[in-house]
Protein backbone atom coordinates (compact mmCIF):
# COMPACT_ATOMS: atom_id res chain seq x y z
CA MET A 1 170.01 110.25 85.99
CA THR A 2 168.39 108.93 83.12
CA SER A 3 171.84 108.30 80.89
CA CYS A 4 172.64 106.35 84.25
CA LEU A 5 169.61 104.26 84.22
CA THR A 6 169.96 103.99 80.32
CA SER A 7 173.41 102.70 80.35
CA LEU A 8 172.82 100.39 83.38
CA LEU A 9 169.90 98.55 81.80
CA SER A 10 170.62 99.27 78.12
CA LYS A 11 170.65 95.52 77.54
CA GLN A 12 167.66 94.70 78.87
CA ILE A 13 165.12 97.71 77.99
CA GLN A 14 163.74 98.73 74.47
CA SER A 15 163.50 102.40 75.41
CA LEU A 16 162.88 105.29 78.11
CA ARG A 17 160.14 107.36 77.79
CA SER A 18 158.56 110.33 79.53
CA GLY A 19 155.19 111.92 78.75
CA GLY A 20 155.61 114.84 81.10
CA SER A 21 152.61 114.02 83.67
CA ALA A 22 153.41 111.52 86.24
CA ALA A 23 149.73 110.89 87.19
CA CYS A 24 149.59 109.97 83.30
CA GLU A 25 152.61 108.18 83.05
CA MET A 26 151.86 105.98 86.36
CA THR A 27 147.96 105.54 85.11
CA SER A 28 149.80 104.13 82.09
CA VAL A 29 151.57 101.49 84.27
CA ALA A 30 148.32 100.38 86.26
CA CYS A 31 146.62 99.74 82.69
CA GLY A 32 149.38 98.05 81.01
CA ARG A 33 150.70 100.59 78.38
CA LEU A 34 154.00 100.58 80.14
CA ASP A 35 156.10 98.56 82.07
CA LEU A 36 157.33 100.98 84.50
CA TYR A 37 157.76 104.60 85.67
CA TYR A 38 160.43 106.29 87.89
CA GLU A 39 161.13 109.62 89.20
CA TRP A 40 163.03 111.24 91.92
CA GLY A 41 162.10 114.78 93.00
CA ILE A 42 158.36 114.34 92.42
CA HIS A 43 155.90 115.64 94.76
CA PRO A 44 153.70 114.36 96.65
CA TRP A 45 150.21 115.85 94.90
CA ASP A 46 151.61 114.47 91.46
CA ILE A 47 151.38 110.52 92.57
CA ALA A 48 149.08 110.09 95.49
CA ALA A 49 145.92 109.48 93.47
CA ALA A 50 148.09 107.60 90.79
CA ALA A 51 149.46 105.46 93.50
CA LEU A 52 146.39 104.15 94.49
CA ILE A 53 145.29 103.37 91.08
CA ILE A 54 148.11 101.31 90.60
CA THR A 55 147.69 99.66 93.83
CA GLU A 56 144.04 98.60 92.58
CA ALA A 57 145.35 97.35 89.69
CA GLY A 58 147.54 95.00 91.14
CA GLY A 59 150.61 96.53 90.85
CA VAL A 60 153.23 98.13 93.20
CA VAL A 61 154.27 101.62 94.14
CA LEU A 62 157.96 101.52 95.80
CA ASP A 63 160.82 104.00 96.63
CA PRO A 64 163.58 103.20 94.06
CA HIS A 65 166.04 104.11 96.59
CA ASP A 66 165.42 101.12 98.93
CA GLY A 67 162.77 98.98 97.25
CA GLN A 68 160.02 99.46 100.12
CA GLU A 69 156.57 100.70 100.16
CA VAL A 70 156.68 104.16 98.74
CA ASP A 71 156.64 106.95 101.07
CA ILE A 72 155.45 110.12 99.14
CA GLU A 73 157.24 112.62 101.33
CA THR A 74 160.86 111.13 100.19
CA ARG A 75 159.99 112.53 96.34
CA ARG A 76 160.77 109.39 94.83
CA VAL A 77 158.82 106.69 92.98
CA LEU A 78 158.81 103.66 91.01
CA CYS A 79 155.75 101.33 90.07
CA GLY A 80 155.22 98.55 88.06
CA ASN A 81 154.59 94.96 88.36
CA ALA A 82 156.27 93.22 91.17
CA SER A 83 159.22 91.41 89.81
CA LEU A 84 160.17 94.03 87.51
CA ALA A 85 159.91 96.94 90.20
CA GLN A 86 162.22 94.70 92.34
CA HIS A 87 164.87 94.06 89.25
CA VAL A 88 164.95 97.63 88.51
CA VAL A 89 165.33 98.67 92.21
CA SER A 90 168.36 95.91 92.35
CA ALA A 91 170.16 97.24 89.41
CA LEU A 92 169.45 101.18 90.83
CA ALA A 93 171.53 100.07 93.84
CA SER A 94 174.49 100.57 91.90
CA VAL A 95 173.71 103.87 90.63
CA LYS A 96 174.87 107.07 92.56
CA ILE A 97 171.40 108.68 93.34
CA PRO A 98 171.48 112.61 93.17
CA GLU A 99 172.57 114.10 96.68
CA LYS A 100 169.59 115.89 97.21
CA TRP A 101 166.88 113.00 96.94
CA SER A 102 169.27 110.40 98.72
CA GLN A 103 169.36 112.37 101.91
CA LEU A 104 165.41 112.58 101.84
CA LYS A 105 164.62 110.25 104.73
CA ARG A 106 161.62 108.18 105.72
CA LYS A 107 159.53 108.97 108.61
CA SER A 108 160.51 107.24 111.63
CA GLY A 109 158.85 104.22 112.54
CA LYS A 110 158.42 103.20 108.89
């Protein structure tokens, strides 16, 4: 998936980085060290607290599949500032999501 995003956005980003800890990466977005973080296959317990920190800091936490507010049970997350995150959601619309992650649906009523 990283190679797809890299090729898709290569002219618009400087680099991609992953430090290994979703919570640390997300809080780095919240404090401004990183512009954006996304991941597929993440567990709810890995992002729940960090999602709150980002929201409190004024950022957004979205589902990268559809740009809606994140549902942590779908195991997909994208966070950053509102304009950058929406730009990446739009760019990702043309990227084929791995089948096992695209089949995870939101709970009804959301």
